[in-house]
Protein backbone atom coordinates (compact mmCIF):
# COMPACT_ATOMS: atom_id res chain seq x y z
CA MET A 1 90.85 94.86 69.12
CA PRO A 2 94.15 93.32 69.96
CA ASN A 3 94.45 91.64 73.26
CA ARG A 4 96.99 94.28 74.57
CA PHE A 5 94.61 97.12 73.78
CA ARG A 6 91.70 95.23 75.20
CA SER A 7 93.44 94.58 78.40
CA LEU A 8 94.61 98.05 79.29
CA PRO A 9 91.41 99.91 79.00
CA GLY A 10 89.58 96.99 80.65
CA PHE A 11 92.01 96.89 83.60
CA LEU A 12 91.87 100.59 83.83
CA MET A 13 88.20 100.36 84.42
CA MET A 14 88.71 97.58 86.97
CA MET A 15 90.92 99.94 88.89
CA LEU A 16 87.95 102.22 89.25
CA VAL A 17 85.71 99.77 91.01
CA ALA A 18 87.92 98.98 93.92
CA PRO A 19 87.14 102.85 95.79
CA THR A 20 88.08 105.03 104.77
CA ILE A 21 89.52 105.97 107.62
CA ALA A 22 92.18 108.56 108.60
CA TRP A 23 95.38 107.05 107.32
CA ALA A 24 93.80 104.22 105.48
CA ALA A 25 92.88 102.62 102.19
CA GLY A 26 90.32 104.16 99.77
CA GLY A 27 90.67 107.19 97.55
CA ALA A 28 93.33 106.58 94.91
CA HIS A 29 94.31 103.24 96.39
CA VAL A 30 92.73 100.17 94.76
CA VAL A 31 92.66 97.62 97.65
CA GLU A 32 89.75 98.57 100.15
CA ASP A 33 89.85 98.45 103.84
CA SER A 34 87.08 97.05 106.04
CA GLU A 35 86.08 100.24 107.79
CA VAL A 36 83.48 102.97 106.93
CA LEU A 37 83.62 106.67 107.40
CA ASP A 38 82.94 107.82 110.96
CA PRO A 39 79.15 108.16 111.48
CA GLY A 40 77.93 111.73 110.51
CA LEU A 41 80.77 112.40 108.05
CA CYS A 42 80.73 112.66 104.27
CA GLN A 43 83.73 112.88 101.94
CA ALA A 44 84.51 113.46 98.27
CA GLU A 45 87.46 111.63 96.56
CA PHE A 46 88.99 113.27 93.39
CA TRP A 47 91.90 111.57 91.45
CA VAL A 48 93.42 111.46 88.15
CA THR A 49 95.60 108.53 86.74
CA LYS A 50 97.87 108.84 83.65
CA PHE A 51 99.09 105.70 81.87
CA ASP A 52 102.35 105.38 80.09
CA PRO A 53 102.02 104.69 77.19
CA GLY A 54 98.70 106.68 76.66
CA GLY A 55 95.38 106.95 78.42
CA GLY A 56 94.14 107.53 81.76
CA TYR A 57 91.09 108.27 83.90
CA GLY A 58 89.58 110.81 86.19
CA ASN A 59 87.35 109.95 89.23
CA VAL A 60 84.88 111.59 91.46
CA THR A 61 83.28 109.67 94.35
CA PRO A 62 81.14 111.43 97.14
CA THR A 63 80.20 109.15 99.92
CA CYS A 64 78.56 109.43 103.48
CA THR A 65 77.97 107.50 106.58
CA LEU A 66 74.76 108.49 108.60
CA LYS A 67 74.61 108.41 112.33
CA SER A 68 71.49 106.38 112.13
CA LEU A 69 73.41 103.69 110.09
CA PRO A 70 76.92 103.71 111.44
CA TRP A 71 77.78 100.52 109.64
CA LEU A 72 77.05 101.67 106.09
CA GLU A 73 78.96 103.95 103.73
CA TRP A 74 77.15 104.81 100.65
CA GLY A 75 77.64 107.10 97.57
CA VAL A 76 78.13 107.38 93.90
CA GLN A 77 81.13 107.04 91.60
CA PHE A 78 81.81 108.94 88.28
CA GLN A 79 84.68 108.01 86.09
CA HIS A 80 85.87 109.42 82.79
CA TYR A 81 88.54 107.32 81.05
CA TRP A 82 90.46 107.51 77.83
CA PHE A 83 92.80 105.49 75.91
CA ASN A 84 94.96 107.14 73.30
CA GLU A 85 95.97 104.34 71.04
CA THR A 86 92.50 103.33 70.25
CA ASP A 87 90.71 106.79 70.71
CA THR A 88 88.47 105.24 73.21
CA THR A 89 86.59 107.31 75.68
CA SER A 90 83.77 106.48 78.19
CA GLN A 91 81.91 107.85 81.20
CA ILE A 92 80.90 105.40 83.89
CA LEU A 93 78.30 106.25 86.62
CA GLY A 94 77.04 103.82 89.48
CA PRO A 95 76.64 103.12 93.18
CA ASN A 96 79.58 102.76 95.74
CA ILE A 97 78.61 100.90 98.93
CA LYS A 98 80.49 99.46 101.92
CA VAL A 99 79.04 97.62 104.86
CA ASN A 100 81.19 97.10 107.95
CA LEU A 101 80.38 93.61 109.34
CA VAL A 102 83.17 93.40 112.04
CA PRO A 103 84.95 96.55 113.24
CA GLU A 104 88.73 96.48 113.12
CA GLU A 105 88.88 97.36 116.80
CA ARG A 106 87.87 93.77 117.67
CA GLY A 107 91.03 92.48 116.33
CA VAL A 108 90.34 91.78 112.71
CA GLY A 109 87.82 93.94 110.57
CA VAL A 110 85.54 92.57 107.87
CA GLY A 111 83.47 94.36 105.51
CA LEU A 112 81.33 93.88 102.28
CA TYR A 113 82.01 96.19 99.42
CA PHE A 114 79.84 96.60 96.19
CA ASN A 115 80.37 98.79 93.23
CA SER A 116 78.75 98.97 89.74
CA GLY A 117 78.64 101.29 86.82
CA VAL A 118 76.80 101.76 83.53
CA ASN A 119 78.16 103.42 80.48
CA VAL A 120 76.42 106.82 80.48
CA ALA A 121 76.29 106.94 76.63
CA THR A 122 74.78 103.50 76.04
CA GLY A 123 73.26 102.46 79.46
CA GLU A 124 75.06 99.15 79.26
CA LEU A 125 76.41 97.63 82.43
CA ALA A 126 80.20 98.26 82.13
CA LEU A 127 81.46 96.77 85.37
CA ALA A 128 80.55 95.49 88.79
CA THR A 129 82.36 94.13 91.99
CA LEU A 130 81.36 92.51 95.08
CA LEU A 131 84.31 92.20 97.58
CA VAL A 132 85.13 91.10 101.06
CA PRO A 133 87.77 93.42 102.40
CA VAL A 134 89.65 92.21 105.70
CA SER A 135 91.80 94.50 107.73
CA ILE A 136 94.46 93.07 110.12
CA PRO A 137 96.05 95.52 112.50
CA LEU A 138 99.79 94.91 113.00
CA THR A 139 100.59 97.82 115.35
CA ASP A 140 98.70 101.15 116.02
CA ASN A 141 100.23 102.65 112.99
CA ALA A 142 100.31 99.70 110.46
CA ARG A 143 98.01 97.10 109.03
CA ILE A 144 97.37 94.73 106.19
CA ASN A 145 94.28 94.79 103.96
CA LEU A 146 93.11 91.85 102.07
CA ASN A 147 90.55 91.74 99.20
CA ALA A 148 88.83 88.81 97.37
CA GLY A 149 85.55 88.75 95.56
CA TRP A 150 83.72 88.66 92.26
CA SER A 151 84.68 91.17 89.28
CA TYR A 152 82.58 91.81 86.18
CA LEU A 153 84.16 93.77 83.22
CA ARG A 154 82.08 94.04 80.06
CA ILE A 155 85.23 95.10 77.97
CA SER A 156 87.34 92.20 79.13
CA ASP A 157 88.10 88.79 77.65
CA GLN A 158 87.51 87.44 81.12
CA GLN A 159 84.26 89.09 81.97
CA ASN A 160 83.50 87.20 85.27
CA THR A 161 86.33 86.48 87.43
CA LEU A 162 87.99 86.64 90.79
CA PHE A 163 89.45 89.94 92.03
CA TRP A 164 92.06 89.78 94.68
CA GLY A 165 94.20 92.44 96.32
CA VAL A 166 96.77 92.76 99.15
CA GLN A 167 97.90 95.96 100.65
CA ILE A 168 100.38 97.02 103.40
CA GLU A 169 99.99 100.60 104.87
CA THR A 170 101.73 102.29 107.69
CA LYS A 171 101.83 105.71 109.26
CA VAL A 172 105.46 106.60 109.17
CA ALA A 173 105.65 109.94 110.85
CA TRP A 174 103.19 112.47 112.10
CA ASP A 175 100.66 113.08 109.23
CA VAL A 176 102.45 110.94 106.54
CA SER A 177 101.57 107.36 105.53
CA LEU A 178 103.14 104.82 103.06
CA MET A 179 101.27 102.23 101.06
CA LEU A 180 102.19 99.29 98.96
CA GLU A 181 99.69 97.03 97.16
CA THR A 182 99.38 94.38 94.50
CA PHE A 183 96.00 93.39 92.89
CA GLY A 184 94.54 91.80 89.95
CA ARG A 185 91.81 89.78 88.21
CA SER A 186 92.31 85.94 87.95
CA GLY A 187 93.34 84.88 84.45
CA ASP A 188 93.70 88.57 83.43
CA THR A 189 96.03 91.50 84.52
CA THR A 190 98.09 92.00 87.67
CA ALA A 191 99.63 95.15 88.80
CA ALA A 192 101.13 96.87 91.86
CA GLN A 193 101.56 100.37 93.13
CA LEU A 194 103.28 102.29 95.75
CA GLY A 195 101.97 105.57 97.32
CA ILE A 196 102.39 108.20 99.95
CA ARG A 197 99.48 109.95 101.68
CA TRP A 198 99.87 113.35 103.37
CA ARG A 199 97.13 114.31 105.75
CA PRO A 200 98.07 117.78 107.22
CA ASN A 201 97.68 117.97 110.86
CA ASP A 202 95.40 114.73 110.76
CA GLY A 203 92.70 117.05 109.40
CA ASN A 204 90.10 116.70 106.94
CA ILE A 205 92.05 116.70 103.67
CA ASP A 206 94.18 113.92 102.24
CA PHE A 207 96.73 114.23 99.53
CA ASP A 208 97.84 111.08 97.45
CA LEU A 209 100.75 110.61 95.23
CA LEU A 210 101.07 107.02 93.67
CA ALA A 211 103.18 105.20 91.01
CA GLY A 212 102.57 101.70 89.83
CA GLY A 213 102.94 99.13 86.92
CA PHE A 214 101.72 95.98 85.36
CA PHE A 215 103.37 92.59 85.61
CA ASP A 216 102.34 91.12 82.39
CA GLN A 217 102.42 91.73 78.65
CA ILE A 218 100.77 95.24 78.84
CA ASN A 219 104.17 96.65 80.09
CA ALA A 220 102.62 99.99 81.14
CA ARG A 221 103.20 102.28 84.13
CA PHE A 222 100.69 104.50 85.81
CA PHE A 223 100.85 107.67 88.03
CA THR A 224 98.07 109.01 90.29
CA MET A 225 97.34 112.19 92.09
CA GLY A 226 94.45 112.43 94.40
CA VAL A 227 92.70 114.62 96.97
CA THR A 228 90.05 113.50 99.58
CA VAL A 229 88.00 116.25 101.33
CA ARG A 230 85.81 115.32 104.43
CA TRP A 231 83.09 117.33 106.15
């Protein structure tokens, strides 16, 4: 497979591994924050990303934080992706776990995030990620999220490498937030996206609309719509 076509489906899969508080990262955002769900809450994240040219993926991720384990968010992630030029499709299933090591309310939040997935058809390990997310509050309504860690992608020429990400997010008015992030795999692909999140009346449902693009030879854009429901 030509490198251009190896890179896009591979990076598309990488975007799935990186998955969450009220106005925060998570959901269709790639860069993670350090925080977990409020104890006793569960949520389900749904989103679809379309690439131009061709391809895309759909994602479903239910997670929970138990009152007895207020520092742990755990769940499962299922993804279906397709790539038109190579007629490639795949389904990936695996665990999604985040541990909050230092709460953000102490000044700087620190967490540990793990995700992996196997190809449902073959049983082979398709991807895995181990990240340290750091959240730095700037004001009551703005913060920076930083990610760094190990990323494995079976489909990539660079199977084992560093994943990094930087995100700025801010709540601009009432129940609307803006996000700008850039992220990538060392020696592989780099991308950025801009998004808006609407959480009506700061309730239990988020709506995300995002647009992004790659910086390198892939020369592709991507557009995402997502919904997160909490209970």
